[in-house]
Amino acid sequence: MSETQIRDQIAGYAKSLFDRGLTAGSTGNISVRVDDGWLMTPTGSSMGAIDPARIAKLDETGRHISGDAPTKEAFLHRVMYEKRPRARAVVHLHSTYSVAVSCLCGLDHNDVLPPLTAYYVMRVGRLPLVPYYPPGDEALAHAVAAQAGGNRAVLLANHGPIVAGVSLSEAVYSSEELEETAKLFLLLRGEKTRPLSCDETTTLLQRFPDRG
C-alpha cells in the first residue's frame, strides 16, 4: 500500500470513528507505521475532518518531519511501537464507556475488564490500567511502556484506551471491541454475570495469540 493510500485509510477510519461517536471534538488520534517512520493525525484536529495531505509524518525516533504538527500525545504511540515491534498501527480514543470505566474505583489494575465475550478475549486480551498523569506528561510514556510489551491495549486512568494492531483495521476493530465490552461491563454492574472461565479464556488465547 502506498503512503497516499495509507493517508486516505487513516482519514477514512478516523471519520468512521467520529461519526459513530467513538471520539468527539478534537480528541483521539491514530498513527500508522510506514517504512521510514510513521504517520499521525494532527494536533487540534477533529477525527471527523482529517485532510489526508496534512497528516503529520514522523521519523522512527518520533521527530516531526512533515505535514501539520502531530498530536501532543505522539509519545504514547512512540512507546507502543518501541515495545511492540510487530505493531503497524495505534489507535487512541476518548470513547465514552471506556473512559467511564477508567474513572471507577476498585478496579483490578492488572486487568480492568472481565472476559465477558470470546471476541473481547480474542481482540484485546488483558487490559491493564495505567495510573493517571496530566495530558502531555512524559511520565505517562514510562507508565505505558511498562505495560505495552505484554499487552496490545492499555487503559489510561481518567483518560481512555490505547490499542495497537498489526494493521490499522485490526487496531480499530480491537478498539471497538474494547468499547463495547466496557459498555457491557457498565450495563451489567450489580447483576450476576458469568464471564468466561480461566480454561475458556486460555483456550482462546492459545488459538488466537497476540499478533500485534
N, C-alpha and C. Protein backbone atom coordinates (compact mmCIF):
# COMPACT_ATOMS: atom_id res chain seq x y z
N MET A 1 0.85 -1.19 0.00
CA MET A 1 0.00 0.00 0.00
C MET A 1 0.89 1.25 0.00
N SER A 2 0.58 2.21 -0.85
CA SER A 2 1.38 3.44 -0.94
C SER A 2 1.08 4.34 0.25
N GLU A 3 1.97 5.33 0.48
CA GLU A 3 1.75 6.26 1.57
C GLU A 3 0.47 7.06 1.36
N THR A 4 0.17 7.40 0.11
CA THR A 4 -1.07 8.13 -0.19
C THR A 4 -2.29 7.30 0.21
N GLN A 5 -2.26 6.02 -0.10
CA GLN A 5 -3.37 5.14 0.27
C GLN A 5 -3.50 5.01 1.79
N ILE A 6 -2.37 4.96 2.48
CA ILE A 6 -2.40 4.87 3.95
C ILE A 6 -3.00 6.13 4.54
N ARG A 7 -2.62 7.29 3.99
CA ARG A 7 -3.19 8.56 4.47
C ARG A 7 -4.71 8.57 4.29
N ASP A 8 -5.17 8.09 3.13
CA ASP A 8 -6.61 8.03 2.89
C ASP A 8 -7.28 7.06 3.86
N GLN A 9 -6.61 5.96 4.15
CA GLN A 9 -7.17 4.97 5.07
C GLN A 9 -7.29 5.56 6.49
N ILE A 10 -6.27 6.28 6.93
CA ILE A 10 -6.32 6.92 8.24
C ILE A 10 -7.50 7.87 8.33
N ALA A 11 -7.65 8.73 7.31
CA ALA A 11 -8.74 9.69 7.30
C ALA A 11 -10.10 8.99 7.29
N GLY A 12 -10.20 7.90 6.54
CA GLY A 12 -11.46 7.17 6.45
C GLY A 12 -11.87 6.54 7.77
N TYR A 13 -10.92 5.88 8.42
CA TYR A 13 -11.23 5.26 9.71
C TYR A 13 -11.48 6.33 10.77
N ALA A 14 -10.74 7.42 10.73
CA ALA A 14 -10.95 8.49 11.71
C ALA A 14 -12.37 9.04 11.59
N LYS A 15 -12.83 9.27 10.37
CA LYS A 15 -14.19 9.79 10.18
C LYS A 15 -15.23 8.78 10.64
N SER A 16 -15.00 7.51 10.37
CA SER A 16 -15.93 6.48 10.80
C SER A 16 -16.06 6.45 12.32
N LEU A 17 -14.92 6.52 13.02
CA LEU A 17 -14.95 6.53 14.48
C LEU A 17 -15.68 7.76 15.01
N PHE A 18 -15.40 8.90 14.39
CA PHE A 18 -16.04 10.15 14.81
C PHE A 18 -17.55 10.11 14.56
N ASP A 19 -17.93 9.67 13.38
CA ASP A 19 -19.35 9.66 13.01
C ASP A 19 -20.16 8.72 13.91
N ARG A 20 -19.53 7.71 14.45
CA ARG A 20 -20.23 6.75 15.32
C ARG A 20 -20.09 7.08 16.80
N GLY A 21 -19.54 8.26 17.09
CA GLY A 21 -19.48 8.73 18.46
C GLY A 21 -18.42 8.10 19.32
N LEU A 22 -17.42 7.48 18.70
CA LEU A 22 -16.34 6.87 19.46
C LEU A 22 -15.24 7.86 19.82
N THR A 23 -15.35 9.06 19.30
CA THR A 23 -14.47 10.16 19.69
C THR A 23 -15.22 11.46 19.37
N ALA A 24 -14.89 12.51 20.08
CA ALA A 24 -15.65 13.76 19.92
C ALA A 24 -14.71 14.95 19.92
N GLY A 25 -15.20 16.08 19.39
CA GLY A 25 -14.38 17.28 19.36
C GLY A 25 -13.06 17.03 18.65
N SER A 26 -11.97 17.44 19.29
CA SER A 26 -10.64 17.21 18.70
C SER A 26 -9.88 16.14 19.46
N THR A 27 -10.62 15.24 20.14
CA THR A 27 -9.96 14.18 20.91
C THR A 27 -9.67 12.97 20.03
N GLY A 28 -8.77 12.14 20.51
CA GLY A 28 -8.44 10.91 19.82
C GLY A 28 -7.38 11.11 18.76
N ASN A 29 -6.63 10.07 18.48
CA ASN A 29 -5.60 10.12 17.44
C ASN A 29 -5.27 8.74 16.93
N ILE A 30 -4.78 8.71 15.71
CA ILE A 30 -4.44 7.47 15.00
C ILE A 30 -3.04 7.62 14.42
N SER A 31 -2.27 6.54 14.45
CA SER A 31 -0.99 6.53 13.74
C SER A 31 -0.82 5.20 13.02
N VAL A 32 -0.03 5.23 11.95
CA VAL A 32 0.30 4.03 11.18
C VAL A 32 1.78 4.04 10.88
N ARG A 33 2.43 2.93 11.13
CA ARG A 33 3.86 2.81 10.86
C ARG A 33 4.09 2.62 9.36
N VAL A 34 5.07 3.35 8.81
CA VAL A 34 5.49 3.20 7.42
C VAL A 34 6.98 2.86 7.42
N ASP A 35 7.53 2.62 6.24
CA ASP A 35 8.91 2.13 6.17
C ASP A 35 9.92 3.08 6.79
N ASP A 36 9.68 4.39 6.69
CA ASP A 36 10.67 5.34 7.18
C ASP A 36 10.15 6.17 8.36
N GLY A 37 9.22 5.62 9.12
CA GLY A 37 8.71 6.33 10.29
C GLY A 37 7.26 5.99 10.52
N TRP A 38 6.44 7.01 10.80
CA TRP A 38 5.01 6.77 10.97
C TRP A 38 4.22 8.03 10.68
N LEU A 39 2.96 7.82 10.30
CA LEU A 39 2.03 8.89 10.00
C LEU A 39 1.07 9.04 11.17
N MET A 40 0.65 10.28 11.46
CA MET A 40 -0.19 10.52 12.63
C MET A 40 -1.16 11.66 12.39
N THR A 41 -2.36 11.53 12.93
CA THR A 41 -3.34 12.61 12.84
C THR A 41 -2.81 13.85 13.55
N PRO A 42 -3.09 15.04 13.01
CA PRO A 42 -2.51 16.28 13.55
C PRO A 42 -3.14 16.72 14.87
N THR A 43 -2.42 17.57 15.57
CA THR A 43 -2.91 18.13 16.82
C THR A 43 -4.10 19.06 16.58
N GLY A 44 -5.03 19.08 17.52
CA GLY A 44 -6.15 20.01 17.46
C GLY A 44 -7.12 19.77 16.33
N SER A 45 -7.08 18.60 15.72
CA SER A 45 -7.95 18.33 14.57
C SER A 45 -9.08 17.39 14.96
N SER A 46 -10.23 17.56 14.34
CA SER A 46 -11.34 16.65 14.55
C SER A 46 -11.12 15.40 13.72
N MET A 47 -11.34 14.25 14.33
CA MET A 47 -11.20 13.00 13.59
C MET A 47 -12.26 12.89 12.49
N GLY A 48 -13.27 13.74 12.57
CA GLY A 48 -14.30 13.71 11.54
C GLY A 48 -13.94 14.48 10.30
N ALA A 49 -12.82 15.21 10.32
CA ALA A 49 -12.46 16.06 9.18
C ALA A 49 -10.95 16.10 8.98
N ILE A 50 -10.35 14.93 8.87
CA ILE A 50 -8.90 14.85 8.65
C ILE A 50 -8.58 15.00 7.17
N ASP A 51 -7.70 15.94 6.85
CA ASP A 51 -7.21 16.11 5.48
C ASP A 51 -6.02 15.18 5.29
N PRO A 52 -6.12 14.15 4.44
CA PRO A 52 -5.02 13.19 4.29
C PRO A 52 -3.68 13.84 3.98
N ALA A 53 -3.69 14.92 3.18
CA ALA A 53 -2.44 15.57 2.78
C ALA A 53 -1.76 16.28 3.94
N ARG A 54 -2.50 16.60 5.01
CA ARG A 54 -1.94 17.35 6.12
C ARG A 54 -1.60 16.47 7.33
N ILE A 55 -1.79 15.17 7.18
CA ILE A 55 -1.42 14.25 8.26
C ILE A 55 0.07 14.36 8.54
N ALA A 56 0.41 14.39 9.81
CA ALA A 56 1.82 14.55 10.20
C ALA A 56 2.63 13.30 9.86
N LYS A 57 3.89 13.53 9.51
CA LYS A 57 4.82 12.41 9.34
C LYS A 57 5.97 12.58 10.32
N LEU A 58 6.32 11.49 11.00
CA LEU A 58 7.41 11.49 11.97
C LEU A 58 8.42 10.43 11.57
N ASP A 59 9.69 10.67 11.93
CA ASP A 59 10.68 9.65 11.64
C ASP A 59 10.61 8.56 12.71
N GLU A 60 11.49 7.58 12.64
CA GLU A 60 11.42 6.43 13.54
C GLU A 60 11.66 6.81 14.99
N THR A 61 12.26 7.94 15.25
CA THR A 61 12.50 8.39 16.62
C THR A 61 11.35 9.24 17.16
N GLY A 62 10.37 9.54 16.30
CA GLY A 62 9.25 10.37 16.72
C GLY A 62 9.44 11.85 16.42
N ARG A 63 10.48 12.20 15.64
CA ARG A 63 10.73 13.60 15.28
C ARG A 63 9.83 14.00 14.11
N HIS A 64 9.15 15.13 14.25
CA HIS A 64 8.24 15.63 13.22
C HIS A 64 9.03 16.07 12.00
N ILE A 65 8.70 15.53 10.82
CA ILE A 65 9.47 15.88 9.63
C ILE A 65 8.63 16.52 8.53
N SER A 66 7.30 16.33 8.54
CA SER A 66 6.48 16.98 7.52
C SER A 66 5.01 16.95 7.93
N GLY A 67 4.20 17.73 7.20
CA GLY A 67 2.78 17.80 7.50
C GLY A 67 2.50 18.70 8.69
N ASP A 68 1.25 18.76 9.10
CA ASP A 68 0.89 19.55 10.28
C ASP A 68 1.53 18.95 11.53
N ALA A 69 1.61 19.74 12.59
CA ALA A 69 2.18 19.26 13.85
C ALA A 69 1.37 18.08 14.37
N PRO A 70 2.04 17.04 14.88
CA PRO A 70 1.30 15.88 15.40
C PRO A 70 0.68 16.18 16.76
N THR A 71 -0.23 15.34 17.17
CA THR A 71 -0.82 15.46 18.48
C THR A 71 0.24 15.47 19.58
N LYS A 72 -0.06 16.15 20.69
CA LYS A 72 0.87 16.18 21.82
C LYS A 72 0.98 14.81 22.48
N GLU A 73 0.09 13.89 22.10
CA GLU A 73 0.14 12.53 22.65
C GLU A 73 0.93 11.58 21.76
N ALA A 74 1.74 12.15 20.85
CA ALA A 74 2.54 11.31 19.95
C ALA A 74 3.46 10.37 20.71
N PHE A 75 3.92 10.78 21.89
CA PHE A 75 4.85 9.94 22.65
C PHE A 75 4.19 8.62 23.09
N LEU A 76 2.86 8.62 23.25
CA LEU A 76 2.17 7.39 23.60
C LEU A 76 2.27 6.38 22.46
N HIS A 77 2.14 6.86 21.24
CA HIS A 77 2.27 6.00 20.07
C HIS A 77 3.72 5.52 19.94
N ARG A 78 4.65 6.43 20.18
CA ARG A 78 6.07 6.06 20.06
C ARG A 78 6.42 4.89 20.97
N VAL A 79 5.99 4.94 22.22
CA VAL A 79 6.36 3.85 23.14
C VAL A 79 5.64 2.56 22.78
N MET A 80 4.44 2.64 22.23
CA MET A 80 3.76 1.41 21.80
C MET A 80 4.54 0.74 20.67
N TYR A 81 5.03 1.55 19.72
CA TYR A 81 5.82 0.98 18.63
C TYR A 81 7.16 0.43 19.14
N GLU A 82 7.77 1.13 20.08
CA GLU A 82 9.05 0.67 20.61
C GLU A 82 8.91 -0.67 21.33
N LYS A 83 7.83 -0.83 22.07
CA LYS A 83 7.64 -2.04 22.86
C LYS A 83 6.95 -3.15 22.08
N ARG A 84 6.33 -2.81 20.95
CA ARG A 84 5.60 -3.80 20.17
C ARG A 84 6.07 -3.73 18.71
N PRO A 85 7.21 -4.36 18.41
CA PRO A 85 7.81 -4.23 17.07
C PRO A 85 6.92 -4.68 15.93
N ARG A 86 6.00 -5.58 16.18
CA ARG A 86 5.12 -6.06 15.11
C ARG A 86 3.92 -5.15 14.88
N ALA A 87 3.70 -4.21 15.76
CA ALA A 87 2.55 -3.30 15.60
C ALA A 87 2.76 -2.40 14.39
N ARG A 88 1.69 -2.25 13.61
CA ARG A 88 1.75 -1.37 12.44
C ARG A 88 0.83 -0.17 12.60
N ALA A 89 -0.01 -0.16 13.64
CA ALA A 89 -0.93 0.96 13.84
C ALA A 89 -1.30 1.06 15.32
N VAL A 90 -1.62 2.28 15.74
CA VAL A 90 -2.05 2.54 17.12
C VAL A 90 -3.26 3.48 17.07
N VAL A 91 -4.28 3.15 17.85
CA VAL A 91 -5.48 3.98 17.95
C VAL A 91 -5.66 4.38 19.41
N HIS A 92 -5.83 5.68 19.64
CA HIS A 92 -6.09 6.20 20.99
C HIS A 92 -7.39 6.98 20.94
N LEU A 93 -8.36 6.56 21.75
CA LEU A 93 -9.67 7.20 21.77
C LEU A 93 -10.02 7.71 23.18
N HIS A 94 -10.96 8.65 23.22
CA HIS A 94 -11.57 9.06 24.47
C HIS A 94 -13.02 8.59 24.45
N SER A 95 -13.21 7.33 24.11
CA SER A 95 -14.55 6.77 23.91
C SER A 95 -15.29 6.65 25.25
N THR A 96 -16.57 6.96 25.22
CA THR A 96 -17.36 7.22 26.43
C THR A 96 -17.31 6.09 27.45
N TYR A 97 -17.62 4.87 27.05
CA TYR A 97 -17.73 3.79 28.03
C TYR A 97 -16.37 3.37 28.56
N SER A 98 -15.36 3.35 27.71
CA SER A 98 -14.02 3.02 28.17
C SER A 98 -13.51 4.07 29.16
N VAL A 99 -13.75 5.35 28.86
CA VAL A 99 -13.34 6.41 29.78
C VAL A 99 -14.12 6.29 31.10
N ALA A 100 -15.41 5.97 31.00
CA ALA A 100 -16.21 5.81 32.22
C ALA A 100 -15.63 4.73 33.11
N VAL A 101 -15.26 3.61 32.53
CA VAL A 101 -14.65 2.53 33.31
C VAL A 101 -13.34 3.01 33.94
N SER A 102 -12.56 3.79 33.18
CA SER A 102 -11.26 4.24 33.67
C SER A 102 -11.37 5.18 34.86
N CYS A 103 -12.58 5.69 35.13
CA CYS A 103 -12.80 6.61 36.26
C CYS A 103 -13.30 5.89 37.51
N LEU A 104 -13.58 4.60 37.42
CA LEU A 104 -14.13 3.87 38.55
C LEU A 104 -13.08 3.55 39.61
N CYS A 105 -13.52 3.47 40.85
CA CYS A 105 -12.67 2.98 41.94
C CYS A 105 -12.78 1.46 42.03
N GLY A 106 -11.79 0.85 42.64
CA GLY A 106 -11.85 -0.58 42.93
C GLY A 106 -11.61 -1.49 41.75
N LEU A 107 -10.99 -0.98 40.68
CA LEU A 107 -10.70 -1.81 39.52
C LEU A 107 -9.48 -2.69 39.77
N ASP A 108 -9.42 -3.81 39.08
CA ASP A 108 -8.22 -4.63 39.07
C ASP A 108 -7.23 -3.97 38.11
N HIS A 109 -6.19 -3.34 38.62
CA HIS A 109 -5.28 -2.59 37.77
C HIS A 109 -4.49 -3.48 36.81
N ASN A 110 -4.45 -4.77 37.08
CA ASN A 110 -3.74 -5.68 36.19
C ASN A 110 -4.60 -6.12 35.01
N ASP A 111 -5.92 -6.05 35.19
CA ASP A 111 -6.83 -6.49 34.13
C ASP A 111 -8.20 -5.88 34.43
N VAL A 112 -8.49 -4.78 33.77
CA VAL A 112 -9.63 -3.94 34.14
C VAL A 112 -10.97 -4.60 33.86
N LEU A 113 -11.12 -5.21 32.70
CA LEU A 113 -12.42 -5.75 32.29
C LEU A 113 -12.43 -7.27 32.35
N PRO A 114 -13.54 -7.86 32.81
CA PRO A 114 -13.64 -9.32 32.82
C PRO A 114 -13.83 -9.86 31.40
N PRO A 115 -13.50 -11.12 31.17
CA PRO A 115 -13.67 -11.72 29.83
C PRO A 115 -15.13 -12.07 29.57
N LEU A 116 -15.92 -11.06 29.26
CA LEU A 116 -17.36 -11.26 29.09
C LEU A 116 -17.70 -11.99 27.79
N THR A 117 -16.90 -11.76 26.74
CA THR A 117 -17.17 -12.40 25.45
C THR A 117 -15.89 -12.96 24.86
N ALA A 118 -16.07 -13.93 23.99
CA ALA A 118 -14.91 -14.52 23.31
C ALA A 118 -14.19 -13.48 22.45
N TYR A 119 -14.96 -12.62 21.80
CA TYR A 119 -14.33 -11.66 20.88
C TYR A 119 -13.50 -10.63 21.62
N TYR A 120 -13.89 -10.30 22.84
CA TYR A 120 -13.06 -9.40 23.64
C TYR A 120 -11.71 -10.06 23.95
N VAL A 121 -11.74 -11.31 24.34
CA VAL A 121 -10.50 -12.03 24.64
C VAL A 121 -9.64 -12.14 23.39
N MET A 122 -10.26 -12.43 22.26
CA MET A 122 -9.53 -12.61 21.01
C MET A 122 -8.89 -11.32 20.53
N ARG A 123 -9.60 -10.20 20.69
CA ARG A 123 -9.11 -8.93 20.12
C ARG A 123 -8.33 -8.07 21.11
N VAL A 124 -8.61 -8.21 22.39
CA VAL A 124 -7.98 -7.34 23.38
C VAL A 124 -7.12 -8.13 24.36
N GLY A 125 -7.65 -9.22 24.88
CA GLY A 125 -6.90 -10.00 25.86
C GLY A 125 -6.93 -9.32 27.22
N ARG A 126 -5.76 -9.11 27.81
CA ARG A 126 -5.68 -8.47 29.11
C ARG A 126 -5.60 -6.97 28.95
N LEU A 127 -6.24 -6.22 29.86
CA LEU A 127 -6.29 -4.76 29.76
C LEU A 127 -5.84 -4.14 31.09
N PRO A 128 -4.55 -3.80 31.22
CA PRO A 128 -4.08 -3.16 32.45
C PRO A 128 -4.47 -1.68 32.50
N LEU A 129 -4.60 -1.17 33.72
CA LEU A 129 -4.89 0.25 33.93
C LEU A 129 -3.60 0.99 34.24
N VAL A 130 -3.33 2.05 33.48
CA VAL A 130 -2.15 2.89 33.70
C VAL A 130 -2.57 4.06 34.59
N PRO A 131 -1.80 4.37 35.63
CA PRO A 131 -2.20 5.45 36.55
C PRO A 131 -2.38 6.79 35.83
N TYR A 132 -3.14 7.67 36.45
CA TYR A 132 -3.42 8.99 35.87
C TYR A 132 -2.18 9.88 35.87
N TYR A 133 -1.97 10.55 34.75
CA TYR A 133 -1.00 11.64 34.60
C TYR A 133 -1.67 12.73 33.77
N PRO A 134 -1.30 13.99 33.95
CA PRO A 134 -1.89 15.05 33.13
C PRO A 134 -1.59 14.83 31.64
N PRO A 135 -2.49 15.22 30.75
CA PRO A 135 -2.24 15.09 29.30
C PRO A 135 -0.92 15.74 28.91
N GLY A 136 -0.16 15.01 28.11
CA GLY A 136 1.12 15.53 27.64
C GLY A 136 2.28 15.29 28.59
N ASP A 137 2.02 14.74 29.77
CA ASP A 137 3.08 14.48 30.74
C ASP A 137 3.93 13.32 30.26
N GLU A 138 5.23 13.55 30.08
CA GLU A 138 6.12 12.50 29.57
C GLU A 138 6.22 11.31 30.52
N ALA A 139 5.90 11.52 31.80
CA ALA A 139 5.92 10.40 32.75
C ALA A 139 4.92 9.32 32.34
N LEU A 140 3.89 9.75 31.61
CA LEU A 140 2.90 8.79 31.14
C LEU A 140 3.53 7.80 30.16
N ALA A 141 4.51 8.26 29.40
CA ALA A 141 5.19 7.37 28.45
C ALA A 141 5.86 6.20 29.17
N HIS A 142 6.50 6.48 30.29
CA HIS A 142 7.18 5.42 31.04
C HIS A 142 6.15 4.43 31.61
N ALA A 143 5.01 4.96 32.07
CA ALA A 143 3.97 4.09 32.62
C ALA A 143 3.36 3.20 31.55
N VAL A 144 3.14 3.75 30.35
CA VAL A 144 2.60 2.96 29.25
C VAL A 144 3.64 1.94 28.78
N ALA A 145 4.89 2.35 28.70
CA ALA A 145 5.95 1.44 28.26
C ALA A 145 6.06 0.22 29.16
N ALA A 146 5.80 0.42 30.45
CA ALA A 146 5.90 -0.69 31.41
C ALA A 146 4.86 -1.77 31.14
N GLN A 147 3.76 -1.40 30.46
CA GLN A 147 2.68 -2.36 30.20
C GLN A 147 2.59 -2.80 28.75
N ALA A 148 3.14 -2.00 27.84
CA ALA A 148 2.89 -2.22 26.41
C ALA A 148 3.52 -3.49 25.87
N GLY A 149 4.66 -3.89 26.40
CA GLY A 149 5.33 -5.06 25.86
C GLY A 149 4.50 -6.32 25.93
N GLY A 150 3.74 -6.46 27.00
CA GLY A 150 2.95 -7.67 27.19
C GLY A 150 1.48 -7.53 26.89
N ASN A 151 1.07 -6.35 26.41
CA ASN A 151 -0.36 -6.11 26.18
C ASN A 151 -0.58 -5.27 24.93
N ARG A 152 -1.52 -5.67 24.11
CA ARG A 152 -1.81 -4.92 22.88
C ARG A 152 -2.66 -3.69 23.17
N ALA A 153 -3.25 -3.62 24.36
CA ALA A 153 -4.09 -2.48 24.74
C ALA A 153 -3.84 -2.13 26.19
N VAL A 154 -3.92 -0.85 26.50
CA VAL A 154 -3.86 -0.37 27.88
C VAL A 154 -4.95 0.68 28.05
N LEU A 155 -5.39 0.85 29.29
CA LEU A 155 -6.40 1.86 29.59
C LEU A 155 -5.78 2.90 30.50
N LEU A 156 -5.80 4.17 30.07
CA LEU A 156 -5.25 5.26 30.85
C LEU A 156 -6.31 5.75 31.82
N ALA A 157 -5.98 5.81 33.10
CA ALA A 157 -6.95 6.23 34.11
C ALA A 157 -7.46 7.64 33.83
N ASN A 158 -8.77 7.82 33.91
CA ASN A 158 -9.42 9.12 33.68
C ASN A 158 -9.05 9.72 32.32
N HIS A 159 -8.89 8.85 31.32
CA HIS A 159 -8.39 9.34 30.03
C HIS A 159 -8.95 8.52 28.86
N GLY A 160 -8.56 7.25 28.73
CA GLY A 160 -9.05 6.46 27.61
C GLY A 160 -8.09 5.37 27.19
N PRO A 161 -8.48 4.54 26.22
CA PRO A 161 -7.68 3.40 25.79
C PRO A 161 -6.67 3.73 24.69
N ILE A 162 -5.59 2.95 24.69
CA ILE A 162 -4.63 2.93 23.58
C ILE A 162 -4.54 1.50 23.11
N VAL A 163 -4.69 1.28 21.79
CA VAL A 163 -4.73 -0.07 21.24
C VAL A 163 -3.80 -0.16 20.05
N ALA A 164 -2.96 -1.19 20.04
CA ALA A 164 -2.06 -1.44 18.91
C ALA A 164 -2.57 -2.64 18.11
N GLY A 165 -2.21 -2.66 16.81
CA GLY A 165 -2.59 -3.78 15.97
C GLY A 165 -1.60 -4.01 14.85
N VAL A 166 -1.67 -5.17 14.24
CA VAL A 166 -0.76 -5.48 13.13
C VAL A 166 -1.18 -4.76 11.86
N SER A 167 -2.35 -4.14 11.88
CA SER A 167 -2.82 -3.30 10.77
C SER A 167 -3.73 -2.25 11.38
N LEU A 168 -4.03 -1.21 10.61
CA LEU A 168 -4.93 -0.18 11.11
C LEU A 168 -6.32 -0.76 11.34
N SER A 169 -6.79 -1.59 10.42
CA SER A 169 -8.12 -2.17 10.60
C SER A 169 -8.18 -2.99 11.88
N GLU A 170 -7.15 -3.75 12.17
CA GLU A 170 -7.16 -4.56 13.40
C GLU A 170 -7.14 -3.69 14.64
N ALA A 171 -6.36 -2.62 14.64
CA ALA A 171 -6.33 -1.71 15.79
C ALA A 171 -7.69 -1.05 15.99
N VAL A 172 -8.35 -0.68 14.90
CA VAL A 172 -9.67 -0.07 15.00
C VAL A 172 -10.69 -1.07 15.53
N TYR A 173 -10.70 -2.27 14.95
CA TYR A 173 -11.68 -3.28 15.38
C TYR A 173 -11.48 -3.64 16.86
N SER A 174 -10.23 -3.74 17.29
CA SER A 174 -9.96 -4.06 18.69
C SER A 174 -10.42 -2.92 19.60
N SER A 175 -10.24 -1.68 19.15
CA SER A 175 -10.71 -0.53 19.93
C SER A 175 -12.22 -0.57 20.06
N GLU A 176 -12.91 -0.93 18.99
CA GLU A 176 -14.36 -1.02 19.02
C GLU A 176 -14.82 -2.14 19.95
N GLU A 177 -14.13 -3.27 19.91
CA GLU A 177 -14.49 -4.38 20.79
C GLU A 177 -14.28 -4.02 22.26
N LEU A 178 -13.20 -3.29 22.53
CA LEU A 178 -12.94 -2.83 23.89
C LEU A 178 -14.07 -1.92 24.37
N GLU A 179 -14.48 -0.99 23.52
CA GLU A 179 -15.54 -0.05 23.90
C GLU A 179 -16.86 -0.79 24.15
N GLU A 180 -17.19 -1.75 23.32
CA GLU A 180 -18.44 -2.50 23.51
C GLU A 180 -18.39 -3.33 24.79
N THR A 181 -17.23 -3.87 25.12
CA THR A 181 -17.11 -4.64 26.36
C THR A 181 -17.20 -3.74 27.58
N ALA A 182 -16.62 -2.54 27.49
CA ALA A 182 -16.76 -1.57 28.57
C ALA A 182 -18.24 -1.22 28.77
N LYS A 183 -18.97 -1.08 27.68
CA LYS A 183 -20.41 -0.79 27.76
C LYS A 183 -21.15 -1.95 28.44
N LEU A 184 -20.84 -3.18 28.04
CA LEU A 184 -21.45 -4.34 28.67
C LEU A 184 -21.14 -4.39 30.16
N PHE A 185 -19.89 -4.13 30.50
CA PHE A 185 -19.46 -4.16 31.89
C PHE A 185 -20.28 -3.19 32.73
N LEU A 186 -20.49 -1.99 32.22
CA LEU A 186 -21.26 -1.00 32.96
C LEU A 186 -22.74 -1.36 33.02
N LEU A 187 -23.28 -1.89 31.94
CA LEU A 187 -24.69 -2.30 31.92
C LEU A 187 -24.97 -3.44 32.90
N LEU A 188 -23.97 -4.29 33.10
CA LEU A 188 -24.15 -5.48 33.93
C LEU A 188 -23.74 -5.28 35.39
N ARG A 189 -23.27 -4.09 35.74
CA ARG A 189 -22.85 -3.87 37.13
C ARG A 189 -24.04 -4.08 38.06
N GLY A 190 -23.83 -4.86 39.10
CA GLY A 190 -24.90 -5.17 40.03
C GLY A 190 -25.67 -6.43 39.67
N GLU A 191 -25.46 -6.95 38.45
CA GLU A 191 -26.10 -8.19 38.04
C GLU A 191 -25.14 -9.35 38.20
N LYS A 192 -25.69 -10.53 38.42
CA LYS A 192 -24.84 -11.73 38.45
C LYS A 192 -24.44 -12.05 37.01
N THR A 193 -23.14 -12.17 36.79
CA THR A 193 -22.66 -12.44 35.43
C THR A 193 -21.86 -13.73 35.41
N ARG A 194 -21.71 -14.26 34.21
CA ARG A 194 -20.91 -15.45 34.01
C ARG A 194 -19.82 -15.14 32.99
N PRO A 195 -18.69 -14.55 33.43
CA PRO A 195 -17.57 -14.35 32.50
C PRO A 195 -17.02 -15.68 32.03
N LEU A 196 -16.25 -15.67 30.97
CA LEU A 196 -15.59 -16.89 30.53
C LEU A 196 -14.66 -17.38 31.63
N SER A 197 -14.56 -18.69 31.77
CA SER A 197 -13.70 -19.28 32.79
C SER A 197 -12.23 -19.14 32.40
N CYS A 198 -11.35 -19.43 33.33
CA CYS A 198 -9.90 -19.39 33.04
C CYS A 198 -9.56 -20.35 31.91
N ASP A 199 -10.13 -21.55 31.94
CA ASP A 199 -9.85 -22.54 30.89
C ASP A 199 -10.36 -22.05 29.53
N GLU A 200 -11.56 -21.47 29.52
CA GLU A 200 -12.11 -20.97 28.26
C GLU A 200 -11.29 -19.81 27.71
N THR A 201 -10.84 -18.94 28.61
CA THR A 201 -10.01 -17.81 28.20
C THR A 201 -8.67 -18.28 27.67
N THR A 202 -8.06 -19.22 28.38
CA THR A 202 -6.75 -19.75 27.96
C THR A 202 -6.83 -20.39 26.59
N THR A 203 -7.89 -21.15 26.36
CA THR A 203 -8.07 -21.81 25.06
C THR A 203 -8.14 -20.78 23.94
N LEU A 204 -8.88 -19.70 24.16
CA LEU A 204 -8.98 -18.65 23.15
C LEU A 204 -7.64 -17.97 22.90
N LEU A 205 -6.91 -17.67 23.98
CA LEU A 205 -5.62 -17.00 23.83
C LEU A 205 -4.61 -17.89 23.11
N GLN A 206 -4.71 -19.19 23.28
CA GLN A 206 -3.83 -20.12 22.57
C GLN A 206 -4.21 -20.23 21.10
N ARG A 207 -5.50 -20.17 20.84
CA ARG A 207 -5.99 -20.29 19.47
C ARG A 207 -5.81 -19.00 18.68
N PHE A 208 -5.92 -17.87 19.39
CA PHE A 208 -5.79 -16.55 18.76
C PHE A 208 -4.71 -15.74 19.51
N PRO A 209 -3.44 -16.07 19.33
CA PRO A 209 -2.38 -15.39 20.09
C PRO A 209 -2.25 -13.92 19.71
N ASP A 210 -1.64 -13.16 20.62
CA ASP A 210 -1.41 -11.74 20.41
C ASP A 210 -0.43 -11.56 19.27
N ARG A 211 -0.88 -10.96 18.16
CA ARG A 211 -0.03 -10.76 16.99
C ARG A 211 0.54 -9.36 16.91
N GLY A 212 -0.11 -8.40 17.59
CA GLY A 212 0.32 -7.02 17.42
C GLY A 212 0.73 -6.36 18.69
